[in-house]
Amino acid sequence: MSKLTRVLGSLTALAILAAGPASAEIASLDARVAEGRALLEAKRWAEAEAKFNAACKAGVGQGCYFEANTIRNSRFSPDVLAQVYALKEKSCTLKYAQGCYSIAIDYRGGSQGLDMDKAKGNGLMDKS
């Protein structure tokens, strides 16, 4: 278990204790993201993608962002780029600043498979 995973696990446990049972569900979603990151370190791409997908579907922006990057890094092809950009935009919609910044850079630079749109990129940059 990596140091990052242990720290994230400890922080999650403290958050549950501090906030009470109402935040237990949120903490379990954060734990899924932490588990996914640990799987990435072990290069278990499919399992990590499944963890991030579950967190993303539950409304965790960080999960959407990491799912997008896992897809892009593990099975990159021009066919998956639309899915990657959609997940990054969803992470931004869910108020994950790093997701907003990442998709803003993609729009501002006209990344592969995405038309350059500096105005949209600047708007997303403001959100981050």
Protein backbone atom coordinates (compact mmCIF):
# COMPACT_ATOMS: atom_id res chain seq x y z
CA MET A 1 0.00 0.00 0.00
CA SER A 2 1.48 3.33 -1.00
CA LYS A 3 1.96 6.24 1.34
CA LEU A 4 -0.60 8.25 -0.66
CA THR A 5 -3.22 5.52 -0.25
CA ARG A 6 -2.61 5.32 3.51
CA VAL A 7 -2.87 9.09 3.90
CA LEU A 8 -6.07 9.25 1.84
CA GLY A 9 -7.55 6.40 3.86
CA SER A 10 -6.70 8.12 7.14
CA LEU A 11 -8.17 11.40 5.96
CA THR A 12 -11.34 9.63 4.87
CA ALA A 13 -11.70 7.96 8.26
CA LEU A 14 -11.19 11.28 10.05
CA ALA A 15 -13.77 12.95 7.82
CA ILE A 16 -16.35 10.27 8.68
CA LEU A 17 -15.71 10.67 12.40
CA ALA A 18 -15.80 14.46 12.26
CA ALA A 19 -18.90 14.85 10.12
CA GLY A 20 -21.00 11.97 11.39
CA PRO A 21 -23.03 9.38 9.53
CA ALA A 22 -24.48 11.82 6.97
CA SER A 23 -21.13 12.08 5.20
CA ALA A 24 -20.34 8.35 5.29
CA GLU A 25 -21.61 7.94 1.73
CA ILE A 26 -19.38 10.76 0.46
CA ALA A 27 -16.41 9.26 2.27
CA SER A 28 -17.03 5.87 0.65
CA LEU A 29 -17.00 7.55 -2.77
CA ASP A 30 -13.71 9.27 -1.94
CA ALA A 31 -12.39 5.88 -0.83
CA ARG A 32 -13.29 4.44 -4.26
CA VAL A 33 -11.20 7.15 -5.89
CA ALA A 34 -8.30 6.38 -3.53
CA GLU A 35 -8.61 2.65 -4.30
CA GLY A 36 -8.59 3.44 -8.01
CA ARG A 37 -5.41 5.49 -7.66
CA ALA A 38 -3.74 2.59 -5.82
CA LEU A 39 -4.75 0.27 -8.67
CA LEU A 40 -3.19 2.69 -11.15
CA GLU A 41 0.09 2.50 -9.27
CA ALA A 42 -0.09 -1.28 -9.66
CA LYS A 43 -0.89 -0.85 -13.39
CA ARG A 44 -4.22 -2.66 -13.02
CA TRP A 45 -5.92 -0.38 -15.56
CA ALA A 46 -9.29 -2.11 -16.00
CA GLU A 47 -9.92 -2.38 -12.27
CA ALA A 48 -8.92 1.24 -11.71
CA GLU A 49 -11.21 2.38 -14.52
CA ALA A 50 -14.11 0.48 -12.93
CA LYS A 51 -13.51 2.18 -9.54
CA PHE A 52 -13.33 5.62 -11.14
CA ASN A 53 -16.43 4.89 -13.23
CA ALA A 54 -18.43 3.99 -10.12
CA ALA A 55 -17.32 7.20 -8.40
CA CYS A 56 -18.08 9.27 -11.50
CA LYS A 57 -21.57 7.82 -11.83
CA ALA A 58 -22.15 8.70 -8.18
CA GLY A 59 -21.28 12.33 -8.88
CA VAL A 60 -17.64 12.59 -7.79
CA GLY A 61 -15.81 14.91 -10.19
CA GLN A 62 -12.40 13.53 -9.27
CA GLY A 63 -13.60 10.06 -10.30
CA CYS A 64 -14.63 11.34 -13.75
CA TYR A 65 -11.30 13.09 -14.23
CA PHE A 66 -9.24 10.04 -13.28
CA GLU A 67 -11.45 7.77 -15.39
CA ALA A 68 -10.78 10.02 -18.41
CA ASN A 69 -7.03 9.89 -17.85
CA THR A 70 -7.04 6.14 -17.25
CA ILE A 71 -8.88 5.57 -20.53
CA ARG A 72 -6.56 7.90 -22.40
CA ASN A 73 -3.40 6.32 -20.98
CA SER A 74 -4.39 2.65 -21.03
CA ARG A 75 -6.19 2.25 -24.33
CA PHE A 76 -5.51 5.38 -26.31
CA SER A 77 -6.96 5.59 -29.78
CA PRO A 78 -8.71 8.35 -31.71
CA ASP A 79 -12.00 6.51 -31.08
CA VAL A 80 -11.91 7.07 -27.32
CA LEU A 81 -11.01 10.77 -27.42
CA ALA A 82 -14.67 11.89 -27.48
CA GLN A 83 -15.31 9.80 -24.34
CA VAL A 84 -12.21 11.25 -22.66
CA TYR A 85 -13.26 14.84 -23.35
CA ALA A 86 -16.85 14.15 -22.22
CA LEU A 87 -15.59 12.75 -18.91
CA LYS A 88 -13.30 15.74 -18.38
CA GLU A 89 -16.22 18.11 -19.03
CA LYS A 90 -18.38 16.12 -16.61
CA SER A 91 -15.68 16.42 -13.94
CA CYS A 92 -15.72 20.18 -14.49
CA THR A 93 -19.52 20.24 -14.23
CA LEU A 94 -19.13 18.42 -10.90
CA LYS A 95 -16.85 21.26 -9.76
CA TYR A 96 -13.53 19.44 -9.88
CA ALA A 97 -11.06 22.27 -10.60
CA GLN A 98 -8.34 20.08 -12.11
CA GLY A 99 -10.88 18.69 -14.59
CA CYS A 100 -11.92 22.23 -15.62
CA TYR A 101 -8.31 23.26 -16.06
CA SER A 102 -7.46 20.17 -18.09
CA ILE A 103 -10.36 20.48 -20.54
CA ALA A 104 -9.75 24.25 -20.80
CA ILE A 105 -6.17 23.58 -21.91
CA ASP A 106 -7.47 21.02 -24.43
CA TYR A 107 -9.87 23.57 -25.93
CA ARG A 108 -7.38 26.42 -25.92
CA GLY A 109 -4.75 24.33 -27.65
CA GLY A 110 -7.04 22.42 -30.01
CA SER A 111 -6.04 18.98 -28.77
CA GLN A 112 -6.30 16.00 -31.09
CA GLY A 113 -9.95 15.31 -31.95
CA LEU A 114 -11.13 18.61 -30.46
CA ASP A 115 -11.62 21.88 -32.34
CA MET A 116 -9.74 24.85 -30.96
CA ASP A 117 -12.17 27.14 -29.14
CA LYS A 118 -10.28 29.74 -27.13
CA ALA A 119 -13.47 31.40 -25.83
CA LYS A 120 -14.78 28.12 -24.42
CA GLY A 121 -11.33 27.29 -23.06
CA ASN A 122 -11.11 30.66 -21.33
CA GLY A 123 -14.59 30.18 -19.82
CA LEU A 124 -13.61 26.78 -18.45
CA MET A 125 -10.33 28.22 -17.18
CA ASP A 126 -12.31 30.79 -15.19
CA LYS A 127 -14.25 27.95 -13.53
CA SER A 128 -11.03 26.36 -12.34
